[in-house]
Amino acid sequence: MPRDTNSSGDMFGGWTLSQMDLAGATFAARHSGGRVATVSIDAMKFLRPIKVGDDVSCYCLLEKEGEHSIAVKIETWSASREDAEAEKVTEGIFTYVALDDKGKPRTLAD
């Protein structure tokens, strides 16, 4: 059994969360112009399993911006190699705080 799957061949939810967090952190860092850290995950939904071999994509959209933080809506979509039609498999709101060089919260640039 591969490390990131269960015995049915479905990807573990933790693997999916880590992929979403990587996508969201990249989005938030670009949006904020610097380093960010994950502070919360809200409204997380697992809608369908992801099978080994599926093509997986994460999509990010700015949900809300505060003085120091950014909320990012992240959706994960997957498509089997036999059927190219993608289906949404997860969605959630990830919040990131912008950090300065010392790891302290910084104000977001306008």
PDB file of N, CA and C in Angstrom:
ATOM      1  N   MET A   1       0.854  -1.182   0.000  1.00  0.00           N
ATOM      2  CA  MET A   1       0.000   0.000   0.000  1.00  0.00           C
ATOM      3  C   MET A   1       0.895   1.239   0.000  1.00  0.00           C
ATOM      4  N   PRO A   2       0.707   2.151  -0.960  1.00  0.00           N
ATOM      5  CA  PRO A   2       1.487   3.386  -0.962  1.00  0.00           C
ATOM      6  C   PRO A   2       1.283   4.181   0.324  1.00  0.00           C
ATOM      7  N   ARG A   3       2.264   4.985   0.667  1.00  0.00           N
ATOM      8  CA  ARG A   3       2.283   5.726   1.925  1.00  0.00           C
ATOM      9  C   ARG A   3       1.090   6.668   2.112  1.00  0.00           C
ATOM     10  N   ASP A   4       0.608   7.300   1.056  1.00  0.00           N
ATOM     11  CA  ASP A   4      -0.424   8.327   1.170  1.00  0.00           C
ATOM     12  C   ASP A   4      -1.829   7.841   0.820  1.00  0.00           C
ATOM     13  N   THR A   5      -2.040   6.511   0.871  1.00  0.00           N
ATOM     14  CA  THR A   5      -3.356   5.974   0.521  1.00  0.00           C
ATOM     15  C   THR A   5      -3.857   5.007   1.584  1.00  0.00           C
ATOM     16  N   ASN A   6      -5.158   4.734   1.504  1.00  0.00           N
ATOM     17  CA  ASN A   6      -5.720   3.684   2.341  1.00  0.00           C
ATOM     18  C   ASN A   6      -5.771   2.388   1.534  1.00  0.00           C
ATOM     19  N   SER A   7      -6.289   1.332   2.124  1.00  0.00           N
ATOM     20  CA  SER A   7      -6.297   0.026   1.453  1.00  0.00           C
ATOM     21  C   SER A   7      -7.253  -0.033   0.259  1.00  0.00           C
ATOM     22  N   SER A   8      -8.135   0.946   0.122  1.00  0.00           N
ATOM     23  CA  SER A   8      -9.052   1.000  -1.023  1.00  0.00           C
ATOM     24  C   SER A   8      -8.475   1.765  -2.206  1.00  0.00           C
ATOM     25  N   GLY A   9      -7.283   2.318  -2.036  1.00  0.00           N
ATOM     26  CA  GLY A   9      -6.672   3.077  -3.118  1.00  0.00           C
ATOM     27  C   GLY A   9      -7.096   4.535  -3.167  1.00  0.00           C
ATOM     28  N   ASP A  10      -7.671   5.030  -2.077  1.00  0.00           N
ATOM     29  CA  ASP A  10      -8.037   6.444  -1.979  1.00  0.00           C
ATOM     30  C   ASP A  10      -6.905   7.205  -1.294  1.00  0.00           C
ATOM     31  N   MET A  11      -6.682   8.435  -1.742  1.00  0.00           N
ATOM     32  CA  MET A  11      -5.669   9.268  -1.102  1.00  0.00           C
ATOM     33  C   MET A  11      -6.168   9.677   0.281  1.00  0.00           C
ATOM     34  N   PHE A  12      -5.248   9.711   1.260  1.00  0.00           N
ATOM     35  CA  PHE A  12      -5.597  10.171   2.597  1.00  0.00           C
ATOM     36  C   PHE A  12      -5.974  11.645   2.551  1.00  0.00           C
ATOM     37  N   GLY A  13      -6.903  12.045   3.408  1.00  0.00           N
ATOM     38  CA  GLY A  13      -7.303  13.447   3.496  1.00  0.00           C
ATOM     39  C   GLY A  13      -6.148  14.356   3.867  1.00  0.00           C
ATOM     40  N   GLY A  14      -5.225  13.869   4.684  1.00  0.00           N
ATOM     41  CA  GLY A  14      -4.063  14.676   5.077  1.00  0.00           C
ATOM     42  C   GLY A  14      -3.184  15.036   3.892  1.00  0.00           C
ATOM     43  N   TRP A  15      -3.050  14.110   2.950  1.00  0.00           N
ATOM     44  CA  TRP A  15      -2.275  14.403   1.740  1.00  0.00           C
ATOM     45  C   TRP A  15      -2.956  15.521   0.957  1.00  0.00           C
ATOM     46  N   THR A  16      -4.276  15.426   0.822  1.00  0.00           N
ATOM     47  CA  THR A  16      -5.027  16.444   0.091  1.00  0.00           C
ATOM     48  C   THR A  16      -4.908  17.799   0.781  1.00  0.00           C
ATOM     49  N   LEU A  17      -5.037  17.817   2.108  1.00  0.00           N
ATOM     50  CA  LEU A  17      -4.879  19.066   2.859  1.00  0.00           C
ATOM     51  C   LEU A  17      -3.508  19.687   2.630  1.00  0.00           C
ATOM     52  N   SER A  18      -2.466  18.871   2.608  1.00  0.00           N
ATOM     53  CA  SER A  18      -1.116  19.418   2.408  1.00  0.00           C
ATOM     54  C   SER A  18      -0.969  20.029   1.018  1.00  0.00           C
ATOM     55  N   GLN A  19      -1.573  19.411   0.005  1.00  0.00           N
ATOM     56  CA  GLN A  19      -1.520  19.977  -1.348  1.00  0.00           C
ATOM     57  C   GLN A  19      -2.285  21.298  -1.409  1.00  0.00           C
ATOM     58  N   MET A  20      -3.430  21.351  -0.741  1.00  0.00           N
ATOM     59  CA  MET A  20      -4.210  22.586  -0.696  1.00  0.00           C
ATOM     60  C   MET A  20      -3.436  23.685   0.021  1.00  0.00           C
ATOM     61  N   ASP A  21      -2.781  23.333   1.116  1.00  0.00           N
ATOM     62  CA  ASP A  21      -2.019  24.323   1.880  1.00  0.00           C
ATOM     63  C   ASP A  21      -0.835  24.853   1.071  1.00  0.00           C
ATOM     64  N   LEU A  22      -0.160  23.982   0.335  1.00  0.00           N
ATOM     65  CA  LEU A  22       0.939  24.439  -0.529  1.00  0.00           C
ATOM     66  C   LEU A  22       0.430  25.419  -1.582  1.00  0.00           C
ATOM     67  N   ALA A  23      -0.686  25.094  -2.217  1.00  0.00           N
ATOM     68  CA  ALA A  23      -1.258  25.983  -3.235  1.00  0.00           C
ATOM     69  C   ALA A  23      -1.698  27.303  -2.613  1.00  0.00           C
ATOM     70  N   GLY A  24      -2.383  27.229  -1.481  1.00  0.00           N
ATOM     71  CA  GLY A  24      -2.873  28.437  -0.822  1.00  0.00           C
ATOM     72  C   GLY A  24      -1.759  29.330  -0.321  1.00  0.00           C
ATOM     73  N   ALA A  25      -0.705  28.738   0.241  1.00  0.00           N
ATOM     74  CA  ALA A  25       0.425  29.528   0.736  1.00  0.00           C
ATOM     75  C   ALA A  25       1.145  30.224  -0.413  1.00  0.00           C
ATOM     76  N   THR A  26       1.280  29.546  -1.538  1.00  0.00           N
ATOM     77  CA  THR A  26       1.898  30.166  -2.714  1.00  0.00           C
ATOM     78  C   THR A  26       1.055  31.344  -3.185  1.00  0.00           C
ATOM     79  N   PHE A  27      -0.260  31.147  -3.261  1.00  0.00           N
ATOM     80  CA  PHE A  27      -1.181  32.211  -3.662  1.00  0.00           C
ATOM     81  C   PHE A  27      -1.090  33.394  -2.694  1.00  0.00           C
ATOM     82  N   ALA A  28      -1.156  33.117  -1.382  1.00  0.00           N
ATOM     83  CA  ALA A  28      -1.128  34.175  -0.366  1.00  0.00           C
ATOM     84  C   ALA A  28       0.207  34.914  -0.359  1.00  0.00           C
ATOM     85  N   ALA A  29       1.308  34.191  -0.539  1.00  0.00           N
ATOM     86  CA  ALA A  29       2.628  34.828  -0.567  1.00  0.00           C
ATOM     87  C   ALA A  29       2.747  35.769  -1.761  1.00  0.00           C
ATOM     88  N   ARG A  30       2.269  35.336  -2.901  1.00  0.00           N
ATOM     89  CA  ARG A  30       2.295  36.211  -4.087  1.00  0.00           C
ATOM     90  C   ARG A  30       1.408  37.428  -3.876  1.00  0.00           C
ATOM     91  N   HIS A  31       0.235  37.204  -3.313  1.00  0.00           N
ATOM     92  CA  HIS A  31      -0.705  38.306  -3.094  1.00  0.00           C
ATOM     93  C   HIS A  31      -0.154  39.305  -2.071  1.00  0.00           C
ATOM     94  N   SER A  32       0.480  38.809  -1.027  1.00  0.00           N
ATOM     95  CA  SER A  32       0.967  39.680   0.048  1.00  0.00           C
ATOM     96  C   SER A  32       2.361  40.235  -0.220  1.00  0.00           C
ATOM     97  N   GLY A  33       3.051  39.657  -1.187  1.00  0.00           N
ATOM     98  CA  GLY A  33       4.398  40.123  -1.497  1.00  0.00           C
ATOM     99  C   GLY A  33       5.453  39.662  -0.513  1.00  0.00           C
ATOM    100  N   GLY A  34       5.244  38.529   0.124  1.00  0.00           N
ATOM    101  CA  GLY A  34       6.244  38.030   1.072  1.00  0.00           C
ATOM    102  C   GLY A  34       5.807  36.762   1.769  1.00  0.00           C
ATOM    103  N   ARG A  35       6.519  36.477   2.831  1.00  0.00           N
ATOM    104  CA  ARG A  35       6.331  35.249   3.605  1.00  0.00           C
ATOM    105  C   ARG A  35       4.968  35.226   4.298  1.00  0.00           C
ATOM    106  N   VAL A  36       4.376  34.030   4.382  1.00  0.00           N
ATOM    107  CA  VAL A  36       3.104  33.833   5.084  1.00  0.00           C
ATOM    108  C   VAL A  36       3.166  32.537   5.887  1.00  0.00           C
ATOM    109  N   ALA A  37       2.257  32.424   6.844  1.00  0.00           N
ATOM    110  CA  ALA A  37       2.107  31.183   7.612  1.00  0.00           C
ATOM    111  C   ALA A  37       0.623  30.852   7.718  1.00  0.00           C
ATOM    112  N   THR A  38       0.305  29.580   7.678  1.00  0.00           N
ATOM    113  CA  THR A  38      -1.075  29.120   7.829  1.00  0.00           C
ATOM    114  C   THR A  38      -1.494  29.289   9.282  1.00  0.00           C
ATOM    115  N   VAL A  39      -2.672  29.902   9.501  1.00  0.00           N
ATOM    116  CA  VAL A  39      -3.159  30.057  10.871  1.00  0.00           C
ATOM    117  C   VAL A  39      -4.466  29.311  11.122  1.00  0.00           C
ATOM    118  N   SER A  40      -5.239  29.026  10.060  1.00  0.00           N
ATOM    119  CA  SER A  40      -6.467  28.256  10.279  1.00  0.00           C
ATOM    120  C   SER A  40      -6.983  27.665   8.977  1.00  0.00           C
ATOM    121  N   ILE A  41      -7.786  26.626   9.143  1.00  0.00           N
ATOM    122  CA  ILE A  41      -8.518  26.006   8.036  1.00  0.00           C
ATOM    123  C   ILE A  41      -9.971  25.935   8.491  1.00  0.00           C
ATOM    124  N   ASP A  42     -10.859  26.544   7.701  1.00  0.00           N
ATOM    125  CA  ASP A  42     -12.275  26.604   8.070  1.00  0.00           C
ATOM    126  C   ASP A  42     -13.144  26.033   6.952  1.00  0.00           C
ATOM    127  N   ALA A  43     -14.328  25.618   7.317  1.00  0.00           N
ATOM    128  CA  ALA A  43     -15.339  25.160   6.360  1.00  0.00           C
ATOM    129  C   ALA A  43     -14.787  24.110   5.396  1.00  0.00           C
ATOM    130  N   MET A  44     -13.963  23.214   5.906  1.00  0.00           N
ATOM    131  CA  MET A  44     -13.350  22.177   5.066  1.00  0.00           C
ATOM    132  C   MET A  44     -14.372  21.094   4.761  1.00  0.00           C
ATOM    133  N   LYS A  45     -14.483  20.773   3.471  1.00  0.00           N
ATOM    134  CA  LYS A  45     -15.396  19.711   3.045  1.00  0.00           C
ATOM    135  C   LYS A  45     -14.650  18.733   2.149  1.00  0.00           C
ATOM    136  N   PHE A  46     -14.821  17.456   2.437  1.00  0.00           N
ATOM    137  CA  PHE A  46     -14.316  16.390   1.574  1.00  0.00           C
ATOM    138  C   PHE A  46     -15.537  15.831   0.847  1.00  0.00           C
ATOM    139  N   LEU A  47     -15.614  16.066  -0.454  1.00  0.00           N
ATOM    140  CA  LEU A  47     -16.814  15.742  -1.223  1.00  0.00           C
ATOM    141  C   LEU A  47     -16.762  14.380  -1.896  1.00  0.00           C
ATOM    142  N   ARG A  48     -15.582  13.988  -2.374  1.00  0.00           N
ATOM    143  CA  ARG A  48     -15.398  12.719  -3.088  1.00  0.00           C
ATOM    144  C   ARG A  48     -13.976  12.221  -2.832  1.00  0.00           C
ATOM    145  N   PRO A  49     -13.757  10.918  -2.927  1.00  0.00           N
ATOM    146  CA  PRO A  49     -12.387  10.411  -2.775  1.00  0.00           C
ATOM    147  C   PRO A  49     -11.538  10.711  -4.012  1.00  0.00           C
ATOM    148  N   ILE A  50     -10.247  10.797  -3.793  1.00  0.00           N
ATOM    149  CA  ILE A  50      -9.267  10.901  -4.880  1.00  0.00           C
ATOM    150  C   ILE A  50      -8.596   9.542  -4.982  1.00  0.00           C
ATOM    151  N   LYS A  51      -8.610   8.961  -6.161  1.00  0.00           N
ATOM    152  CA  LYS A  51      -7.992   7.650  -6.389  1.00  0.00           C
ATOM    153  C   LYS A  51      -6.535   7.814  -6.821  1.00  0.00           C
ATOM    154  N   VAL A  52      -5.719   6.821  -6.517  1.00  0.00           N
ATOM    155  CA  VAL A  52      -4.339   6.807  -6.996  1.00  0.00           C
ATOM    156  C   VAL A  52      -4.362   6.881  -8.518  1.00  0.00           C
ATOM    157  N   GLY A  53      -3.562   7.770  -9.082  1.00  0.00           N
ATOM    158  CA  GLY A  53      -3.492   7.934 -10.529  1.00  0.00           C
ATOM    159  C   GLY A  53      -4.349   9.058 -11.071  1.00  0.00           C
ATOM    160  N   ASP A  54      -5.270   9.592 -10.249  1.00  0.00           N
ATOM    161  CA  ASP A  54      -6.075  10.726 -10.707  1.00  0.00           C
ATOM    162  C   ASP A  54      -5.184  11.950 -10.910  1.00  0.00           C
ATOM    163  N   ASP A  55      -5.548  12.783 -11.880  1.00  0.00           N
ATOM    164  CA  ASP A  55      -4.913  14.088 -12.047  1.00  0.00           C
ATOM    165  C   ASP A  55      -5.598  15.035 -11.070  1.00  0.00           C
ATOM    166  N   VAL A  56      -4.806  15.732 -10.252  1.00  0.00           N
ATOM    167  CA  VAL A  56      -5.338  16.575  -9.187  1.00  0.00           C
ATOM    168  C   VAL A  56      -4.871  18.014  -9.392  1.00  0.00           C
ATOM    169  N   SER A  57      -5.803  18.960  -9.248  1.00  0.00           N
ATOM    170  CA  SER A  57      -5.487  20.387  -9.363  1.00  0.00           C
ATOM    171  C   SER A  57      -6.139  21.142  -8.216  1.00  0.00           C
ATOM    172  N   CYS A  58      -5.418  22.136  -7.672  1.00  0.00           N
ATOM    173  CA  CYS A  58      -5.958  23.018  -6.637  1.00  0.00           C
ATOM    174  C   CYS A  58      -6.103  24.415  -7.225  1.00  0.00           C
ATOM    175  N   TYR A  59      -7.238  25.054  -6.942  1.00  0.00           N
ATOM    176  CA  TYR A  59      -7.524  26.397  -7.444  1.00  0.00           C
ATOM    177  C   TYR A  59      -7.794  27.324  -6.268  1.00  0.00           C
ATOM    178  N   CYS A  60      -7.217  28.520  -6.324  1.00  0.00           N
ATOM    179  CA  CYS A  60      -7.305  29.472  -5.219  1.00  0.00           C
ATOM    180  C   CYS A  60      -8.002  30.753  -5.649  1.00  0.00           C
ATOM    181  N   LEU A  61      -8.756  31.325  -4.709  1.00  0.00           N
ATOM    182  CA  LEU A  61      -9.454  32.581  -4.936  1.00  0.00           C
ATOM    183  C   LEU A  61      -9.397  33.385  -3.642  1.00  0.00           C
ATOM    184  N   LEU A  62      -9.062  34.671  -3.750  1.00  0.00           N
ATOM    185  CA  LEU A  62      -9.034  35.530  -2.570  1.00  0.00           C
ATOM    186  C   LEU A  62     -10.442  35.646  -2.005  1.00  0.00           C
ATOM    187  N   GLU A  63     -10.612  35.238  -0.760  1.00  0.00           N
ATOM    188  CA  GLU A  63     -11.916  35.282  -0.099  1.00  0.00           C
ATOM    189  C   GLU A  63     -12.067  36.573   0.695  1.00  0.00           C
ATOM    190  N   LYS A  64     -10.991  36.958   1.418  1.00  0.00           N
ATOM    191  CA  LYS A  64     -11.051  38.135   2.283  1.00  0.00           C
ATOM    192  C   LYS A  64      -9.630  38.553   2.627  1.00  0.00           C
ATOM    193  N   GLU A  65      -9.438  39.861   2.765  1.00  0.00           N
ATOM    194  CA  GLU A  65      -8.128  40.384   3.164  1.00  0.00           C
ATOM    195  C   GLU A  65      -8.304  41.271   4.381  1.00  0.00           C
ATOM    196  N   GLY A  66      -7.498  41.025   5.410  1.00  0.00           N
ATOM    197  CA  GLY A  66      -7.513  41.851   6.607  1.00  0.00           C
ATOM    198  C   GLY A  66      -6.245  42.680   6.683  1.00  0.00           C
ATOM    199  N   GLU A  67      -5.980  43.227   7.856  1.00  0.00           N
ATOM    200  CA  GLU A  67      -4.778  44.051   8.032  1.00  0.00           C
ATOM    201  C   GLU A  67      -3.502  43.220   7.930  1.00  0.00           C
ATOM    202  N   HIS A  68      -3.530  42.021   8.508  1.00  0.00           N
ATOM    203  CA  HIS A  68      -2.355  41.147   8.522  1.00  0.00           C
ATOM    204  C   HIS A  68      -2.599  39.794   7.857  1.00  0.00           C
ATOM    205  N   SER A  69      -3.851  39.485   7.552  1.00  0.00           N
ATOM    206  CA  SER A  69      -4.166  38.128   7.101  1.00  0.00           C
ATOM    207  C   SER A  69      -4.925  38.103   5.782  1.00  0.00           C
ATOM    208  N   ILE A  70      -4.881  36.928   5.168  1.00  0.00           N
ATOM    209  CA  ILE A  70      -5.536  36.685   3.890  1.00  0.00           C
ATOM    210  C   ILE A  70      -6.298  35.368   4.008  1.00  0.00           C
ATOM    211  N   ALA A  71      -7.587  35.395   3.685  1.00  0.00           N
ATOM    212  CA  ALA A  71      -8.378  34.167   3.626  1.00  0.00           C
ATOM    213  C   ALA A  71      -8.479  33.752   2.159  1.00  0.00           C
ATOM    214  N   VAL A  72      -8.156  32.497   1.890  1.00  0.00           N
ATOM    215  CA  VAL A  72      -8.116  31.979   0.524  1.00  0.00           C
ATOM    216  C   VAL A  72      -9.087  30.804   0.414  1.00  0.00           C
ATOM    217  N   LYS A  73     -10.022  30.892  -0.536  1.00  0.00           N
ATOM    218  CA  LYS A  73     -10.890  29.742  -0.818  1.00  0.00           C
ATOM    219  C   LYS A  73     -10.115  28.830  -1.758  1.00  0.00           C
ATOM    220  N   ILE A  74     -10.002  27.567  -1.364  1.00  0.00           N
ATOM    221  CA  ILE A  74      -9.254  26.601  -2.168  1.00  0.00           C
ATOM    222  C   ILE A  74     -10.171  25.436  -2.513  1.00  0.00           C
ATOM    223  N   GLU A  75     -10.219  25.121  -3.791  1.00  0.00           N
ATOM    224  CA  GLU A  75     -10.959  23.953  -4.274  1.00  0.00           C
ATOM    225  C   GLU A  75      -9.968  22.982  -4.892  1.00  0.00           C
ATOM    226  N   THR A  76     -10.188  21.702  -4.651  1.00  0.00           N
ATOM    227  CA  THR A  76      -9.397  20.660  -5.295  1.00  0.00           C
ATOM    228  C   THR A  76     -10.309  19.912  -6.256  1.00  0.00           C
ATOM    229  N   TRP A  77      -9.824  19.717  -7.459  1.00  0.00           N
ATOM    230  CA  TRP A  77     -10.555  18.992  -8.499  1.00  0.00           C
ATOM    231  C   TRP A  77      -9.702  17.821  -8.944  1.00  0.00           C
ATOM    232  N   SER A  78     -10.345  16.712  -9.282  1.00  0.00           N
ATOM    233  CA  SER A  78      -9.598  15.564  -9.794  1.00  0.00           C
ATOM    234  C   SER A  78     -10.316  14.963 -10.991  1.00  0.00           C
ATOM    235  N   ALA A  79      -9.522  14.327 -11.829  1.00  0.00           N
ATOM    236  CA  ALA A  79     -10.053  13.634 -13.007  1.00  0.00           C
ATOM    237  C   ALA A  79      -9.295  12.328 -13.157  1.00  0.00           C
ATOM    238  N   SER A  80     -10.024  11.262 -13.425  1.00  0.00           N
ATOM    239  CA  SER A  80      -9.356   9.986 -13.679  1.00  0.00           C
ATOM    240  C   SER A  80      -8.724  10.039 -15.061  1.00  0.00           C
ATOM    241  N   ARG A  81      -7.764   9.185 -15.282  1.00  0.00           N
ATOM    242  CA  ARG A  81      -7.099   9.172 -16.586  1.00  0.00           C
ATOM    243  C   ARG A  81      -7.991   8.585 -17.672  1.00  0.00           C
ATOM    244  N   GLU A  82      -8.985   7.798 -17.274  1.00  0.00           N
ATOM    245  CA  GLU A  82      -9.920   7.226 -18.243  1.00  0.00           C
ATOM    246  C   GLU A  82     -10.996   8.233 -18.640  1.00  0.00           C
ATOM    247  N   ASP A  83     -11.420   9.058 -17.689  1.00  0.00           N
ATOM    248  CA  ASP A  83     -12.484  10.041 -17.923  1.00  0.00           C
ATOM    249  C   ASP A  83     -11.913  11.412 -17.599  1.00  0.00           C
ATOM    250  N   ALA A  84     -11.656  12.208 -18.605  1.00  0.00           N
ATOM    251  CA  ALA A  84     -10.971  13.490 -18.422  1.00  0.00           C
ATOM    252  C   ALA A  84     -11.834  14.558 -17.752  1.00  0.00           C
ATOM    253  N   GLU A  85     -13.102  14.262 -17.494  1.00  0.00           N
ATOM    254  CA  GLU A  85     -13.964  15.262 -16.863  1.00  0.00           C
ATOM    255  C   GLU A  85     -13.638  15.374 -15.376  1.00  0.00           C
ATOM    256  N   ALA A  86     -13.240  16.574 -14.950  1.00  0.00           N
ATOM    257  CA  ALA A  86     -12.851  16.802 -13.555  1.00  0.00           C
ATOM    258  C   ALA A  86     -14.078  17.003 -12.671  1.00  0.00           C
ATOM    259  N   GLU A  87     -13.935  16.578 -11.401  1.00  0.00           N
ATOM    260  CA  GLU A  87     -14.971  16.772 -10.393  1.00  0.00           C
ATOM    261  C   GLU A  87     -14.341  17.436  -9.180  1.00  0.00           C
ATOM    262  N   LYS A  88     -15.114  18.328  -8.541  1.00  0.00           N
ATOM    263  CA  LYS A  88     -14.625  18.942  -7.311  1.00  0.00           C
ATOM    264  C   LYS A  88     -14.622  17.887  -6.215  1.00  0.00           C
ATOM    265  N   VAL A  89     -13.483  17.762  -5.512  1.00  0.00           N
ATOM    266  CA  VAL A  89     -13.359  16.740  -4.475  1.00  0.00           C
ATOM    267  C   VAL A  89     -13.230  17.332  -3.073  1.00  0.00           C
ATOM    268  N   THR A  90     -12.728  18.553  -2.960  1.00  0.00           N
ATOM    269  CA  THR A  90     -12.650  19.221  -1.659  1.00  0.00           C
ATOM    270  C   THR A  90     -12.819  20.714  -1.850  1.00  0.00           C
ATOM    271  N   GLU A  91     -13.156  21.384  -0.740  1.00  0.00           N
ATOM    272  CA  GLU A  91     -13.143  22.844  -0.704  1.00  0.00           C
ATOM    273  C   GLU A  91     -12.958  23.279   0.736  1.00  0.00           C
ATOM    274  N   GLY A  92     -12.335  24.428   0.915  1.00  0.00           N
ATOM    275  CA  GLY A  92     -12.127  24.954   2.252  1.00  0.00           C
ATOM    276  C   GLY A  92     -11.584  26.369   2.194  1.00  0.00           C
ATOM    277  N   ILE A  93     -11.627  27.034   3.342  1.00  0.00           N
ATOM    278  CA  ILE A  93     -11.087  28.378   3.476  1.00  0.00           C
ATOM    279  C   ILE A  93      -9.848  28.286   4.359  1.00  0.00           C
ATOM    280  N   PHE A  94      -8.708  28.654   3.808  1.00  0.00           N
ATOM    281  CA  PHE A  94      -7.439  28.646   4.526  1.00  0.00           C
ATOM    282  C   PHE A  94      -7.056  30.096   4.813  1.00  0.00           C
ATOM    283  N   THR A  95      -6.659  30.387   6.047  1.00  0.00           N
ATOM    284  CA  THR A  95      -6.248  31.741   6.408  1.00  0.00           C
ATOM    285  C   THR A  95      -4.750  31.756   6.674  1.00  0.00           C
ATOM    286  N   TYR A  96      -4.099  32.751   6.086  1.00  0.00           N
ATOM    287  CA  TYR A  96      -2.649  32.931   6.200  1.00  0.00           C
ATOM    288  C   TYR A  96      -2.374  34.298   6.794  1.00  0.00           C
ATOM    289  N   VAL A  97      -1.354  34.391   7.645  1.00  0.00           N
ATOM    290  CA  VAL A  97      -0.914  35.672   8.175  1.00  0.00           C
ATOM    291  C   VAL A  97       0.397  36.034   7.486  1.00  0.00           C
ATOM    292  N   ALA A  98       0.523  37.314   7.110  1.00  0.00           N
ATOM    293  CA  ALA A  98       1.744  37.809   6.482  1.00  0.00           C
ATOM    294  C   ALA A  98       2.799  38.022   7.566  1.00  0.00           C
ATOM    295  N   LEU A  99       4.029  37.576   7.291  1.00  0.00           N
ATOM    296  CA  LEU A  99       5.116  37.659   8.269  1.00  0.00           C
ATOM    297  C   LEU A  99       6.260  38.515   7.747  1.00  0.00           C
ATOM    298  N   ASP A 100       6.939  39.189   8.693  1.00  0.00           N
ATOM    299  CA  ASP A 100       8.136  39.939   8.327  1.00  0.00           C
ATOM    300  C   ASP A 100       9.361  39.032   8.425  1.00  0.00           C
ATOM    301  N   ASP A 101      10.549  39.612   8.271  1.00  0.00           N
ATOM    302  CA  ASP A 101      11.791  38.827   8.298  1.00  0.00           C
ATOM    303  C   ASP A 101      12.056  38.150   9.635  1.00  0.00           C
ATOM    304  N   LYS A 102      11.443  38.647  10.707  1.00  0.00           N
ATOM    305  CA  LYS A 102      11.642  38.065  12.038  1.00  0.00           C
ATOM    306  C   LYS A 102      10.525  37.095  12.414  1.00  0.00           C
ATOM    307  N   GLY A 103       9.605  36.843  11.477  1.00  0.00           N
ATOM    308  CA  GLY A 103       8.506  35.921  11.741  1.00  0.00           C
ATOM    309  C   GLY A 103       7.349  36.542  12.495  1.00  0.00           C
ATOM    310  N   LYS A 104       7.309  37.872  12.565  1.00  0.00           N
ATOM    311  CA  LYS A 104       6.224  38.592  13.243  1.00  0.00           C
ATOM    312  C   LYS A 104       5.194  39.046  12.205  1.00  0.00           C
ATOM    313  N   PRO A 105       3.915  39.141  12.609  1.00  0.00           N
ATOM    314  CA  PRO A 105       2.905  39.609  11.658  1.00  0.00           C
ATOM    315  C   PRO A 105       3.255  40.990  11.106  1.00  0.00           C
ATOM    316  N   ARG A 106       3.017  41.155   9.809  1.00  0.00           N
ATOM    317  CA  ARG A 106       3.263  42.450   9.166  1.00  0.00           C
ATOM    318  C   ARG A 106       1.981  42.919   8.500  1.00  0.00           C
ATOM    319  N   THR A 107       1.893  44.220   8.312  1.00  0.00           N
ATOM    320  CA  THR A 107       0.741  44.804   7.631  1.00  0.00           C
ATOM    321  C   THR A 107       0.848  44.503   6.145  1.00  0.00           C
ATOM    322  N   LEU A 108      -0.270  44.151   5.544  1.00  0.00           N
ATOM    323  CA  LEU A 108      -0.288  43.874   4.111  1.00  0.00           C
ATOM    324  C   LEU A 108      -0.133  45.169   3.328  1.00  0.00           C
ATOM    325  N   ALA A 109       0.608  45.089   2.229  1.00  0.00           N
ATOM    326  CA  ALA A 109       0.791  46.255   1.363  1.00  0.00           C
ATOM    327  C   ALA A 109      -0.511  46.559   0.640  1.00  0.00           C
ATOM    328  N   ASP A 110      -0.730  47.813   0.350  1.00  0.00           N
ATOM    329  CA  ASP A 110      -1.937  48.211  -0.396  1.00  0.00           C
ATOM    330  C   ASP A 110      -1.824  47.845  -1.844  1.00  0.00           C
TER     331      ASP A 110
END
